[in-house]
Amino acid sequence: MAVPKQRKGRMSTRARRSANDRIAAPSRSICPQCGEVKLPHRVCPNCGYYKDREVLETE
């Protein structure tokens, strides 16, 4: 069985792990009614529309 000849440094280990630990920003979409940025597949918090119909009453 293959065995490493020398121990890997702490910096190499942490640098390799850090690539997988990054937090991705949530994706965004634009509301077709008001043009505001919103989360996809959710009601627009600005106008209250979802899939071309009003779901929430806004002022």
C-alpha atoms as a PDB file:
ATOM      1  CA  MET A   1       0.000   0.000   0.000  1.00  0.00           C
ATOM      2  CA  ALA A   2       1.306   3.472  -0.852  1.00  0.00           C
ATOM      3  CA  VAL A   3       2.447   5.554   2.094  1.00  0.00           C
ATOM      4  CA  PRO A   4       3.593   9.193   1.911  1.00  0.00           C
ATOM      5  CA  LYS A   5       7.310   9.659   2.566  1.00  0.00           C
ATOM      6  CA  GLN A   6       6.794  12.987   4.319  1.00  0.00           C
ATOM      7  CA  ARG A   7       3.971  14.629   6.158  1.00  0.00           C
ATOM      8  CA  LYS A   8       2.005  17.322   4.317  1.00  0.00           C
ATOM      9  CA  GLY A   9       2.179  20.757   5.873  1.00  0.00           C
ATOM     10  CA  ARG A  10      -0.751  22.427   7.567  1.00  0.00           C
ATOM     11  CA  MET A  11      -0.836  25.142   4.905  1.00  0.00           C
ATOM     12  CA  SER A  12      -1.218  22.646   2.066  1.00  0.00           C
ATOM     13  CA  THR A  13      -4.008  20.817   3.855  1.00  0.00           C
ATOM     14  CA  ARG A  14      -5.932  23.964   4.698  1.00  0.00           C
ATOM     15  CA  ALA A  15      -5.493  25.427   1.217  1.00  0.00           C
ATOM     16  CA  ARG A  16      -6.959  22.266  -0.317  1.00  0.00           C
ATOM     17  CA  ARG A  17      -9.897  22.217   2.085  1.00  0.00           C
ATOM     18  CA  SER A  18     -10.679  25.913   1.739  1.00  0.00           C
ATOM     19  CA  ALA A  19     -11.757  25.489  -1.899  1.00  0.00           C
ATOM     20  CA  ASN A  20     -14.675  23.310  -0.762  1.00  0.00           C
ATOM     21  CA  ASP A  21     -15.625  25.447   2.240  1.00  0.00           C
ATOM     22  CA  ARG A  22     -16.572  28.559   0.278  1.00  0.00           C
ATOM     23  CA  ILE A  23     -20.140  29.689   0.675  1.00  0.00           C
ATOM     24  CA  ALA A  24     -21.828  30.373  -2.640  1.00  0.00           C
ATOM     25  CA  ALA A  25     -24.045  33.441  -2.922  1.00  0.00           C
ATOM     26  CA  PRO A  26     -27.714  32.653  -3.522  1.00  0.00           C
ATOM     27  CA  SER A  27     -28.851  32.957  -7.122  1.00  0.00           C
ATOM     28  CA  ARG A  28     -30.987  35.947  -8.034  1.00  0.00           C
ATOM     29  CA  SER A  29     -33.628  36.591 -10.659  1.00  0.00           C
ATOM     30  CA  ILE A  30     -35.509  39.673 -11.823  1.00  0.00           C
ATOM     31  CA  CYS A  31     -39.219  40.105 -11.214  1.00  0.00           C
ATOM     32  CA  PRO A  32     -41.058  40.449 -14.548  1.00  0.00           C
ATOM     33  CA  GLN A  33     -43.671  42.777 -12.996  1.00  0.00           C
ATOM     34  CA  CYS A  34     -41.590  45.407 -11.185  1.00  0.00           C
ATOM     35  CA  GLY A  35     -38.012  44.623 -12.266  1.00  0.00           C
ATOM     36  CA  GLU A  36     -36.669  44.217  -8.730  1.00  0.00           C
ATOM     37  CA  VAL A  37     -34.145  41.544  -7.797  1.00  0.00           C
ATOM     38  CA  LYS A  38     -35.673  38.561  -5.988  1.00  0.00           C
ATOM     39  CA  LEU A  39     -34.951  34.950  -5.133  1.00  0.00           C
ATOM     40  CA  PRO A  40     -36.052  32.498  -7.843  1.00  0.00           C
ATOM     41  CA  HIS A  41     -39.295  30.520  -7.358  1.00  0.00           C
ATOM     42  CA  ARG A  42     -40.493  32.880  -4.627  1.00  0.00           C
ATOM     43  CA  VAL A  43     -43.013  35.681  -4.324  1.00  0.00           C
ATOM     44  CA  CYS A  44     -41.548  39.100  -5.072  1.00  0.00           C
ATOM     45  CA  PRO A  45     -41.319  40.991  -1.756  1.00  0.00           C
ATOM     46  CA  ASN A  46     -41.684  44.320  -3.571  1.00  0.00           C
ATOM     47  CA  CYS A  47     -44.864  43.837  -5.617  1.00  0.00           C
ATOM     48  CA  GLY A  48     -46.282  40.533  -4.280  1.00  0.00           C
ATOM     49  CA  TYR A  49     -46.510  38.786  -7.673  1.00  0.00           C
ATOM     50  CA  TYR A  50     -45.572  35.191  -8.465  1.00  0.00           C
ATOM     51  CA  LYS A  51     -45.951  33.667 -11.954  1.00  0.00           C
ATOM     52  CA  ASP A  52     -47.946  36.598 -13.372  1.00  0.00           C
ATOM     53  CA  ARG A  53     -50.549  36.711 -10.606  1.00  0.00           C
ATOM     54  CA  GLU A  54     -50.797  38.643  -7.359  1.00  0.00           C
ATOM     55  CA  VAL A  55     -50.271  36.431  -4.327  1.00  0.00           C
ATOM     56  CA  LEU A  56     -49.658  39.047  -1.625  1.00  0.00           C
ATOM     57  CA  GLU A  57     -51.449  42.332  -1.339  1.00  0.00           C
ATOM     58  CA  THR A  58     -48.989  45.226  -1.151  1.00  0.00           C
ATOM     59  CA  GLU A  59     -49.608  48.897  -0.612  1.00  0.00           C
END
